[in-house]
Amino acid sequence: MTKVVKLSNKFAKDEKAGIEIGDKIYEFDASVETAMLLEDAVAGDGRVSSLVAALEGVLGAEAVEDIGVKKMSLANMKILITGLSAALQGTTYEDASARFQR
């Protein structure tokens, strides 16, 4: 006989993640789809425009404009992407940053 494990009541509902910049909190969907969007942009063609497009897909164009992504340095963009990754994974910025160093 097949053993059945019930998972329906174990799944989190409407998972959100967020980052705080200054006095604003930017929430976003914490789905696998969001993680894949960021992962594909980071591992993709290496174009900054691809990273910006991914950030717009995750945070929304208004948030990207508000944060000033297109005017920030590449070092700051890396910090932003690391922070998003940490929020998605439910870990600290430092842990996510250490993973990017490997």
PDB file of N, CA and C in Angstrom:
ATOM      1  N   MET A   1       0.826  -1.178   0.000  1.00  0.00           N
ATOM      2  CA  MET A   1       0.000   0.000   0.000  1.00  0.00           C
ATOM      3  C   MET A   1       0.880   1.254   0.000  1.00  0.00           C
ATOM      4  N   THR A   2       0.449   2.251  -0.733  1.00  0.00           N
ATOM      5  CA  THR A   2       1.208   3.490  -0.857  1.00  0.00           C
ATOM      6  C   THR A   2       1.067   4.335   0.396  1.00  0.00           C
ATOM      7  N   LYS A   3       2.189   4.800   0.897  1.00  0.00           N
ATOM      8  CA  LYS A   3       2.171   5.718   2.046  1.00  0.00           C
ATOM      9  C   LYS A   3       1.994   7.131   1.516  1.00  0.00           C
ATOM     10  N   VAL A   4       1.016   7.844   2.031  1.00  0.00           N
ATOM     11  CA  VAL A   4       0.704   9.198   1.577  1.00  0.00           C
ATOM     12  C   VAL A   4       1.064  10.186   2.676  1.00  0.00           C
ATOM     13  N   VAL A   5       1.817  11.190   2.310  1.00  0.00           N
ATOM     14  CA  VAL A   5       2.179  12.261   3.234  1.00  0.00           C
ATOM     15  C   VAL A   5       1.407  13.504   2.825  1.00  0.00           C
ATOM     16  N   LYS A   6       0.619  14.030   3.724  1.00  0.00           N
ATOM     17  CA  LYS A   6      -0.196  15.210   3.430  1.00  0.00           C
ATOM     18  C   LYS A   6       0.649  16.473   3.582  1.00  0.00           C
ATOM     19  N   LEU A   7       0.709  17.250   2.518  1.00  0.00           N
ATOM     20  CA  LEU A   7       1.498  18.481   2.523  1.00  0.00           C
ATOM     21  C   LEU A   7       0.657  19.744   2.409  1.00  0.00           C
ATOM     22  N   SER A   8      -0.590  19.605   2.055  1.00  0.00           N
ATOM     23  CA  SER A   8      -1.429  20.770   1.763  1.00  0.00           C
ATOM     24  C   SER A   8      -1.391  21.824   2.855  1.00  0.00           C
ATOM     25  N   ASN A   9      -1.447  21.420   4.109  1.00  0.00           N
ATOM     26  CA  ASN A   9      -1.462  22.398   5.190  1.00  0.00           C
ATOM     27  C   ASN A   9      -0.065  22.844   5.620  1.00  0.00           C
ATOM     28  N   LYS A  10       0.957  22.352   4.970  1.00  0.00           N
ATOM     29  CA  LYS A  10       2.332  22.716   5.303  1.00  0.00           C
ATOM     30  C   LYS A  10       2.861  23.881   4.465  1.00  0.00           C
ATOM     31  N   PHE A  11       2.274  24.083   3.279  1.00  0.00           N
ATOM     32  CA  PHE A  11       2.754  25.135   2.389  1.00  0.00           C
ATOM     33  C   PHE A  11       2.422  26.508   2.941  1.00  0.00           C
ATOM     34  N   ALA A  12       3.381  27.417   2.855  1.00  0.00           N
ATOM     35  CA  ALA A  12       3.140  28.807   3.249  1.00  0.00           C
ATOM     36  C   ALA A  12       2.257  29.462   2.196  1.00  0.00           C
ATOM     37  N   LYS A  13       1.453  30.371   2.611  1.00  0.00           N
ATOM     38  CA  LYS A  13       0.553  31.073   1.694  1.00  0.00           C
ATOM     39  C   LYS A  13       1.071  32.484   1.446  1.00  0.00           C
ATOM     40  N   ASP A  14       1.001  32.907   0.200  1.00  0.00           N
ATOM     41  CA  ASP A  14       1.349  34.281  -0.173  1.00  0.00           C
ATOM     42  C   ASP A  14       2.669  34.744   0.427  1.00  0.00           C
ATOM     43  N   GLU A  15       3.703  33.973   0.213  1.00  0.00           N
ATOM     44  CA  GLU A  15       5.000  34.346   0.762  1.00  0.00           C
ATOM     45  C   GLU A  15       5.509  35.620   0.120  1.00  0.00           C
ATOM     46  N   LYS A  16       5.948  36.527   0.963  1.00  0.00           N
ATOM     47  CA  LYS A  16       6.548  37.775   0.514  1.00  0.00           C
ATOM     48  C   LYS A  16       7.907  37.901   1.177  1.00  0.00           C
ATOM     49  N   ALA A  17       8.785  38.601   0.521  1.00  0.00           N
ATOM     50  CA  ALA A  17      10.084  38.942   1.079  1.00  0.00           C
ATOM     51  C   ALA A  17      10.227  40.444   0.923  1.00  0.00           C
ATOM     52  N   GLY A  18      11.222  41.009   1.546  1.00  0.00           N
ATOM     53  CA  GLY A  18      11.399  42.442   1.412  1.00  0.00           C
ATOM     54  C   GLY A  18      12.810  42.869   1.745  1.00  0.00           C
ATOM     55  N   ILE A  19      13.138  44.039   1.242  1.00  0.00           N
ATOM     56  CA  ILE A  19      14.407  44.677   1.570  1.00  0.00           C
ATOM     57  C   ILE A  19      14.091  46.076   2.073  1.00  0.00           C
ATOM     58  N   GLU A  20      14.935  46.588   2.937  1.00  0.00           N
ATOM     59  CA  GLU A  20      14.757  47.937   3.465  1.00  0.00           C
ATOM     60  C   GLU A  20      15.915  48.801   2.996  1.00  0.00           C
ATOM     61  N   ILE A  21      15.574  49.927   2.383  1.00  0.00           N
ATOM     62  CA  ILE A  21      16.571  50.903   1.944  1.00  0.00           C
ATOM     63  C   ILE A  21      16.115  52.247   2.488  1.00  0.00           C
ATOM     64  N   GLY A  22      16.927  52.820   3.364  1.00  0.00           N
ATOM     65  CA  GLY A  22      16.516  54.061   4.013  1.00  0.00           C
ATOM     66  C   GLY A  22      15.304  53.785   4.882  1.00  0.00           C
ATOM     67  N   ASP A  23      14.262  54.583   4.695  1.00  0.00           N
ATOM     68  CA  ASP A  23      13.048  54.394   5.490  1.00  0.00           C
ATOM     69  C   ASP A  23      11.949  53.667   4.717  1.00  0.00           C
ATOM     70  N   LYS A  24      12.308  53.089   3.579  1.00  0.00           N
ATOM     71  CA  LYS A  24      11.317  52.389   2.754  1.00  0.00           C
ATOM     72  C   LYS A  24      11.581  50.887   2.742  1.00  0.00           C
ATOM     73  N   ILE A  25      10.488  50.146   2.736  1.00  0.00           N
ATOM     74  CA  ILE A  25      10.562  48.693   2.596  1.00  0.00           C
ATOM     75  C   ILE A  25       9.958  48.333   1.247  1.00  0.00           C
ATOM     76  N   TYR A  26      10.709  47.570   0.481  1.00  0.00           N
ATOM     77  CA  TYR A  26      10.269  47.123  -0.837  1.00  0.00           C
ATOM     78  C   TYR A  26       9.958  45.636  -0.742  1.00  0.00           C
ATOM     79  N   GLU A  27       8.684  45.299  -0.823  1.00  0.00           N
ATOM     80  CA  GLU A  27       8.266  43.903  -0.769  1.00  0.00           C
ATOM     81  C   GLU A  27       8.205  43.319  -2.171  1.00  0.00           C
ATOM     82  N   PHE A  28       8.432  42.018  -2.249  1.00  0.00           N
ATOM     83  CA  PHE A  28       8.338  41.321  -3.523  1.00  0.00           C
ATOM     84  C   PHE A  28       7.951  39.876  -3.278  1.00  0.00           C
ATOM     85  N   ASP A  29       7.526  39.231  -4.325  1.00  0.00           N
ATOM     86  CA  ASP A  29       7.100  37.842  -4.294  1.00  0.00           C
ATOM     87  C   ASP A  29       8.305  36.946  -4.019  1.00  0.00           C
ATOM     88  N   ALA A  30       8.187  36.069  -3.046  1.00  0.00           N
ATOM     89  CA  ALA A  30       9.297  35.184  -2.674  1.00  0.00           C
ATOM     90  C   ALA A  30       9.145  33.801  -3.303  1.00  0.00           C
ATOM     91  N   SER A  31       8.757  33.776  -4.563  1.00  0.00           N
ATOM     92  CA  SER A  31       8.518  32.499  -5.238  1.00  0.00           C
ATOM     93  C   SER A  31       9.785  31.973  -5.915  1.00  0.00           C
ATOM     94  N   VAL A  32       9.715  30.731  -6.302  1.00  0.00           N
ATOM     95  CA  VAL A  32      10.798  30.119  -7.074  1.00  0.00           C
ATOM     96  C   VAL A  32      10.978  30.878  -8.389  1.00  0.00           C
ATOM     97  N   GLU A  33       9.880  31.323  -8.967  1.00  0.00           N
ATOM     98  CA  GLU A  33       9.940  32.079 -10.221  1.00  0.00           C
ATOM     99  C   GLU A  33      10.793  33.341 -10.059  1.00  0.00           C
ATOM    100  N   THR A  34      10.638  34.033  -8.938  1.00  0.00           N
ATOM    101  CA  THR A  34      11.439  35.225  -8.663  1.00  0.00           C
ATOM    102  C   THR A  34      12.908  34.854  -8.514  1.00  0.00           C
ATOM    103  N   ALA A  35      13.179  33.780  -7.793  1.00  0.00           N
ATOM    104  CA  ALA A  35      14.557  33.325  -7.615  1.00  0.00           C
ATOM    105  C   ALA A  35      15.191  32.973  -8.955  1.00  0.00           C
ATOM    106  N   MET A  36      14.433  32.307  -9.821  1.00  0.00           N
ATOM    107  CA  MET A  36      14.966  31.944 -11.144  1.00  0.00           C
ATOM    108  C   MET A  36      15.234  33.186 -11.990  1.00  0.00           C
ATOM    109  N   LEU A  37      14.379  34.183 -11.885  1.00  0.00           N
ATOM    110  CA  LEU A  37      14.564  35.424 -12.631  1.00  0.00           C
ATOM    111  C   LEU A  37      15.880  36.088 -12.242  1.00  0.00           C
ATOM    112  N   LEU A  38      16.143  36.180 -10.953  1.00  0.00           N
ATOM    113  CA  LEU A  38      17.407  36.760 -10.488  1.00  0.00           C
ATOM    114  C   LEU A  38      18.595  35.883 -10.869  1.00  0.00           C
ATOM    115  N   GLU A  39      18.458  34.595 -10.663  1.00  0.00           N
ATOM    116  CA  GLU A  39      19.538  33.660 -10.980  1.00  0.00           C
ATOM    117  C   GLU A  39      19.907  33.723 -12.461  1.00  0.00           C
ATOM    118  N   ASP A  40      18.909  33.731 -13.325  1.00  0.00           N
ATOM    119  CA  ASP A  40      19.153  33.794 -14.767  1.00  0.00           C
ATOM    120  C   ASP A  40      19.843  35.094 -15.156  1.00  0.00           C
ATOM    121  N   ALA A  41      19.452  36.194 -14.520  1.00  0.00           N
ATOM    122  CA  ALA A  41      20.060  37.489 -14.842  1.00  0.00           C
ATOM    123  C   ALA A  41      21.519  37.534 -14.413  1.00  0.00           C
ATOM    124  N   VAL A  42      21.812  36.987 -13.233  1.00  0.00           N
ATOM    125  CA  VAL A  42      23.185  37.003 -12.727  1.00  0.00           C
ATOM    126  C   VAL A  42      24.071  36.064 -13.541  1.00  0.00           C
ATOM    127  N   ALA A  43      23.556  34.896 -13.888  1.00  0.00           N
ATOM    128  CA  ALA A  43      24.347  33.901 -14.609  1.00  0.00           C
ATOM    129  C   ALA A  43      24.275  34.072 -16.117  1.00  0.00           C
ATOM    130  N   GLY A  44      23.436  34.970 -16.577  1.00  0.00           N
ATOM    131  CA  GLY A  44      23.153  35.108 -18.006  1.00  0.00           C
ATOM    132  C   GLY A  44      24.260  35.733 -18.815  1.00  0.00           C
ATOM    133  N   ASP A  45      23.867  36.633 -19.684  1.00  0.00           N
ATOM    134  CA  ASP A  45      24.771  37.183 -20.691  1.00  0.00           C
ATOM    135  C   ASP A  45      25.740  38.237 -20.162  1.00  0.00           C
ATOM    136  N   GLY A  46      25.659  38.583 -18.881  1.00  0.00           N
ATOM    137  CA  GLY A  46      26.581  39.548 -18.296  1.00  0.00           C
ATOM    138  C   GLY A  46      26.247  40.995 -18.590  1.00  0.00           C
ATOM    139  N   ARG A  47      25.113  41.229 -19.219  1.00  0.00           N
ATOM    140  CA  ARG A  47      24.730  42.599 -19.563  1.00  0.00           C
ATOM    141  C   ARG A  47      24.024  43.253 -18.380  1.00  0.00           C
ATOM    142  N   VAL A  48      24.412  44.483 -18.108  1.00  0.00           N
ATOM    143  CA  VAL A  48      23.794  45.240 -17.025  1.00  0.00           C
ATOM    144  C   VAL A  48      22.308  45.444 -17.308  1.00  0.00           C
ATOM    145  N   SER A  49      21.959  45.638 -18.572  1.00  0.00           N
ATOM    146  CA  SER A  49      20.547  45.832 -18.920  1.00  0.00           C
ATOM    147  C   SER A  49      19.710  44.606 -18.554  1.00  0.00           C
ATOM    148  N   SER A  50      20.303  43.426 -18.613  1.00  0.00           N
ATOM    149  CA  SER A  50      19.593  42.209 -18.203  1.00  0.00           C
ATOM    150  C   SER A  50      19.352  42.205 -16.697  1.00  0.00           C
ATOM    151  N   LEU A  51      20.335  42.688 -15.946  1.00  0.00           N
ATOM    152  CA  LEU A  51      20.173  42.786 -14.496  1.00  0.00           C
ATOM    153  C   LEU A  51      19.086  43.791 -14.134  1.00  0.00           C
ATOM    154  N   VAL A  52      19.095  44.939 -14.809  1.00  0.00           N
ATOM    155  CA  VAL A  52      18.080  45.966 -14.548  1.00  0.00           C
ATOM    156  C   VAL A  52      16.694  45.425 -14.884  1.00  0.00           C
ATOM    157  N   ALA A  53      16.579  44.727 -16.004  1.00  0.00           N
ATOM    158  CA  ALA A  53      15.290  44.146 -16.392  1.00  0.00           C
ATOM    159  C   ALA A  53      14.817  43.132 -15.348  1.00  0.00           C
ATOM    160  N   ALA A  54      15.733  42.331 -14.821  1.00  0.00           N
ATOM    161  CA  ALA A  54      15.368  41.363 -13.785  1.00  0.00           C
ATOM    162  C   ALA A  54      14.917  42.078 -12.515  1.00  0.00           C
ATOM    163  N   LEU A  55      15.618  43.140 -12.145  1.00  0.00           N
ATOM    164  CA  LEU A  55      15.225  43.907 -10.960  1.00  0.00           C
ATOM    165  C   LEU A  55      13.845  44.526 -11.139  1.00  0.00           C
ATOM    166  N   GLU A  56      13.566  45.002 -12.350  1.00  0.00           N
ATOM    167  CA  GLU A  56      12.231  45.540 -12.635  1.00  0.00           C
ATOM    168  C   GLU A  56      11.176  44.441 -12.542  1.00  0.00           C
ATOM    169  N   GLY A  57      11.530  43.239 -12.962  1.00  0.00           N
ATOM    170  CA  GLY A  57      10.606  42.119 -12.860  1.00  0.00           C
ATOM    171  C   GLY A  57      10.341  41.711 -11.420  1.00  0.00           C
ATOM    172  N   VAL A  58      11.343  41.843 -10.569  1.00  0.00           N
ATOM    173  CA  VAL A  58      11.210  41.452  -9.165  1.00  0.00           C
ATOM    174  C   VAL A  58      10.543  42.551  -8.338  1.00  0.00           C
ATOM    175  N   LEU A  59      11.071  43.761  -8.446  1.00  0.00           N
ATOM    176  CA  LEU A  59      10.620  44.861  -7.587  1.00  0.00           C
ATOM    177  C   LEU A  59       9.560  45.748  -8.222  1.00  0.00           C
ATOM    178  N   GLY A  60       9.527  45.749  -9.551  1.00  0.00           N
ATOM    179  CA  GLY A  60       8.646  46.665 -10.272  1.00  0.00           C
ATOM    180  C   GLY A  60       9.431  47.878 -10.742  1.00  0.00           C
ATOM    181  N   ALA A  61       9.030  48.422 -11.874  1.00  0.00           N
ATOM    182  CA  ALA A  61       9.744  49.551 -12.478  1.00  0.00           C
ATOM    183  C   ALA A  61       9.740  50.771 -11.566  1.00  0.00           C
ATOM    184  N   GLU A  62       8.637  50.995 -10.857  1.00  0.00           N
ATOM    185  CA  GLU A  62       8.548  52.164  -9.976  1.00  0.00           C
ATOM    186  C   GLU A  62       9.559  52.074  -8.834  1.00  0.00           C
ATOM    187  N   ALA A  63       9.709  50.902  -8.240  1.00  0.00           N
ATOM    188  CA  ALA A  63      10.676  50.717  -7.157  1.00  0.00           C
ATOM    189  C   ALA A  63      12.103  50.861  -7.675  1.00  0.00           C
ATOM    190  N   VAL A  64      12.375  50.315  -8.855  1.00  0.00           N
ATOM    191  CA  VAL A  64      13.711  50.430  -9.448  1.00  0.00           C
ATOM    192  C   VAL A  64      14.054  51.898  -9.683  1.00  0.00           C
ATOM    193  N   GLU A  65      13.081  52.659 -10.155  1.00  0.00           N
ATOM    194  CA  GLU A  65      13.270  54.101 -10.359  1.00  0.00           C
ATOM    195  C   GLU A  65      13.474  54.802  -9.020  1.00  0.00           C
ATOM    196  N   ASP A  66      12.651  54.469  -8.033  1.00  0.00           N
ATOM    197  CA  ASP A  66      12.721  55.083  -6.707  1.00  0.00           C
ATOM    198  C   ASP A  66      14.071  54.813  -6.043  1.00  0.00           C
ATOM    199  N   ILE A  67      14.565  53.600  -6.179  1.00  0.00           N
ATOM    200  CA  ILE A  67      15.858  53.215  -5.603  1.00  0.00           C
ATOM    201  C   ILE A  67      17.007  53.876  -6.360  1.00  0.00           C
ATOM    202  N   GLY A  68      16.807  54.177  -7.623  1.00  0.00           N
ATOM    203  CA  GLY A  68      17.854  54.791  -8.439  1.00  0.00           C
ATOM    204  C   GLY A  68      18.829  53.781  -9.006  1.00  0.00           C
ATOM    205  N   VAL A  69      18.327  52.611  -9.341  1.00  0.00           N
ATOM    206  CA  VAL A  69      19.178  51.519  -9.810  1.00  0.00           C
ATOM    207  C   VAL A  69      20.019  51.925 -11.016  1.00  0.00           C
ATOM    208  N   LYS A  70      19.434  52.621 -11.976  1.00  0.00           N
ATOM    209  CA  LYS A  70      20.157  52.954 -13.208  1.00  0.00           C
ATOM    210  C   LYS A  70      21.267  53.970 -12.982  1.00  0.00           C
ATOM    211  N   LYS A  71      21.265  54.636 -11.845  1.00  0.00           N
ATOM    212  CA  LYS A  71      22.307  55.620 -11.549  1.00  0.00           C
ATOM    213  C   LYS A  71      23.315  55.108 -10.514  1.00  0.00           C
ATOM    214  N   MET A  72      23.097  53.914  -9.987  1.00  0.00           N
ATOM    215  CA  MET A  72      24.014  53.405  -8.968  1.00  0.00           C
ATOM    216  C   MET A  72      25.221  52.714  -9.606  1.00  0.00           C
ATOM    217  N   SER A  73      26.252  52.554  -8.819  1.00  0.00           N
ATOM    218  CA  SER A  73      27.455  51.865  -9.290  1.00  0.00           C
ATOM    219  C   SER A  73      27.182  50.365  -9.390  1.00  0.00           C
ATOM    220  N   LEU A  74      28.038  49.686 -10.124  1.00  0.00           N
ATOM    221  CA  LEU A  74      27.908  48.229 -10.229  1.00  0.00           C
ATOM    222  C   LEU A  74      28.114  47.567  -8.870  1.00  0.00           C
ATOM    223  N   ALA A  75      28.995  48.142  -8.047  1.00  0.00           N
ATOM    224  CA  ALA A  75      29.211  47.598  -6.702  1.00  0.00           C
ATOM    225  C   ALA A  75      27.927  47.681  -5.879  1.00  0.00           C
ATOM    226  N   ASN A  76      27.218  48.800  -5.988  1.00  0.00           N
ATOM    227  CA  ASN A  76      25.959  48.936  -5.255  1.00  0.00           C
ATOM    228  C   ASN A  76      24.871  48.031  -5.833  1.00  0.00           C
ATOM    229  N   MET A  77      24.899  47.811  -7.142  1.00  0.00           N
ATOM    230  CA  MET A  77      23.932  46.893  -7.750  1.00  0.00           C
ATOM    231  C   MET A  77      24.161  45.480  -7.216  1.00  0.00           C
ATOM    232  N   LYS A  78      25.429  45.115  -7.038  1.00  0.00           N
ATOM    233  CA  LYS A  78      25.751  43.801  -6.478  1.00  0.00           C
ATOM    234  C   LYS A  78      25.209  43.688  -5.050  1.00  0.00           C
ATOM    235  N   ILE A  79      25.324  44.764  -4.275  1.00  0.00           N
ATOM    236  CA  ILE A  79      24.784  44.775  -2.914  1.00  0.00           C
ATOM    237  C   ILE A  79      23.273  44.581  -2.948  1.00  0.00           C
ATOM    238  N   LEU A  80      22.601  45.276  -3.870  1.00  0.00           N
ATOM    239  CA  LEU A  80      21.148  45.160  -4.004  1.00  0.00           C
ATOM    240  C   LEU A  80      20.741  43.727  -4.355  1.00  0.00           C
ATOM    241  N   ILE A  81      21.409  43.142  -5.322  1.00  0.00           N
ATOM    242  CA  ILE A  81      21.081  41.775  -5.748  1.00  0.00           C
ATOM    243  C   ILE A  81      21.378  40.774  -4.633  1.00  0.00           C
ATOM    244  N   THR A  82      22.468  40.987  -3.906  1.00  0.00           N
ATOM    245  CA  THR A  82      22.788  40.122  -2.772  1.00  0.00           C
ATOM    246  C   THR A  82      21.711  40.227  -1.696  1.00  0.00           C
ATOM    247  N   GLY A  83      21.243  41.440  -1.445  1.00  0.00           N
ATOM    248  CA  GLY A  83      20.175  41.640  -0.463  1.00  0.00           C
ATOM    249  C   GLY A  83      18.881  40.965  -0.873  1.00  0.00           C
ATOM    250  N   LEU A  84      18.541  41.072  -2.153  1.00  0.00           N
ATOM    251  CA  LEU A  84      17.342  40.396  -2.658  1.00  0.00           C
ATOM    252  C   LEU A  84      17.471  38.886  -2.492  1.00  0.00           C
ATOM    253  N   SER A  85      18.646  38.372  -2.798  1.00  0.00           N
ATOM    254  CA  SER A  85      18.895  36.936  -2.661  1.00  0.00           C
ATOM    255  C   SER A  85      18.758  36.501  -1.201  1.00  0.00           C
ATOM    256  N   ALA A  86      19.304  37.292  -0.287  1.00  0.00           N
ATOM    257  CA  ALA A  86      19.200  36.977   1.141  1.00  0.00           C
ATOM    258  C   ALA A  86      17.740  36.955   1.586  1.00  0.00           C
ATOM    259  N   ALA A  87      16.969  37.952   1.153  1.00  0.00           N
ATOM    260  CA  ALA A  87      15.554  38.016   1.524  1.00  0.00           C
ATOM    261  C   ALA A  87      14.783  36.822   0.961  1.00  0.00           C
ATOM    262  N   LEU A  88      15.081  36.440  -0.267  1.00  0.00           N
ATOM    263  CA  LEU A  88      14.414  35.288  -0.885  1.00  0.00           C
ATOM    264  C   LEU A  88      14.706  33.996  -0.127  1.00  0.00           C
ATOM    265  N   GLN A  89      15.948  33.858   0.319  1.00  0.00           N
ATOM    266  CA  GLN A  89      16.371  32.625   0.978  1.00  0.00           C
ATOM    267  C   GLN A  89      16.107  32.643   2.480  1.00  0.00           C
ATOM    268  N   GLY A  90      15.661  33.787   3.011  1.00  0.00           N
ATOM    269  CA  GLY A  90      15.409  33.893   4.443  1.00  0.00           C
ATOM    270  C   GLY A  90      16.674  33.800   5.261  1.00  0.00           C
ATOM    271  N   THR A  91      17.754  34.369   4.728  1.00  0.00           N
ATOM    272  CA  THR A  91      19.040  34.316   5.403  1.00  0.00           C
ATOM    273  C   THR A  91      19.554  35.736   5.615  1.00  0.00           C
ATOM    274  N   THR A  92      20.733  35.870   6.167  1.00  0.00           N
ATOM    275  CA  THR A  92      21.305  37.197   6.385  1.00  0.00           C
ATOM    276  C   THR A  92      22.025  37.678   5.128  1.00  0.00           C
ATOM    277  N   TYR A  93      22.230  38.980   5.066  1.00  0.00           N
ATOM    278  CA  TYR A  93      22.989  39.551   3.954  1.00  0.00           C
ATOM    279  C   TYR A  93      24.389  38.940   3.923  1.00  0.00           C
ATOM    280  N   GLU A  94      25.000  38.804   5.095  1.00  0.00           N
ATOM    281  CA  GLU A  94      26.368  38.285   5.176  1.00  0.00           C
ATOM    282  C   GLU A  94      26.471  36.861   4.630  1.00  0.00           C
ATOM    283  N   ASP A  95      25.497  36.017   4.952  1.00  0.00           N
ATOM    284  CA  ASP A  95      25.507  34.643   4.434  1.00  0.00           C
ATOM    285  C   ASP A  95      25.343  34.621   2.915  1.00  0.00           C
ATOM    286  N   ALA A  96      24.439  35.442   2.412  1.00  0.00           N
ATOM    287  CA  ALA A  96      24.235  35.503   0.959  1.00  0.00           C
ATOM    288  C   ALA A  96      25.476  36.041   0.268  1.00  0.00           C
ATOM    289  N   SER A  97      26.102  37.031   0.866  1.00  0.00           N
ATOM    290  CA  SER A  97      27.319  37.611   0.293  1.00  0.00           C
ATOM    291  C   SER A  97      28.441  36.576   0.245  1.00  0.00           C
ATOM    292  N   ALA A  98      28.564  35.783   1.289  1.00  0.00           N
ATOM    293  CA  ALA A  98      29.595  34.739   1.322  1.00  0.00           C
ATOM    294  C   ALA A  98      29.364  33.715   0.212  1.00  0.00           C
ATOM    295  N   ARG A  99      28.103  33.405  -0.083  1.00  0.00           N
ATOM    296  CA  ARG A  99      27.796  32.465  -1.164  1.00  0.00           C
ATOM    297  C   ARG A  99      28.201  33.026  -2.516  1.00  0.00           C
ATOM    298  N   PHE A 100      28.012  34.338  -2.712  1.00  0.00           N
ATOM    299  CA  PHE A 100      28.387  34.963  -3.982  1.00  0.00           C
ATOM    300  C   PHE A 100      29.901  34.974  -4.169  1.00  0.00           C
ATOM    301  N   GLN A 101      30.664  34.963  -3.080  1.00  0.00           N
ATOM    302  CA  GLN A 101      32.124  35.005  -3.164  1.00  0.00           C
ATOM    303  C   GLN A 101      32.704  33.689  -3.660  1.00  0.00           C
ATOM    304  N   ARG A 102      31.962  32.607  -3.494  1.00  0.00           N
ATOM    305  CA  ARG A 102      32.479  31.277  -3.873  1.00  0.00           C
ATOM    306  C   ARG A 102      32.488  31.079  -5.348  1.00  0.00           C
TER     307      ARG A 102
END
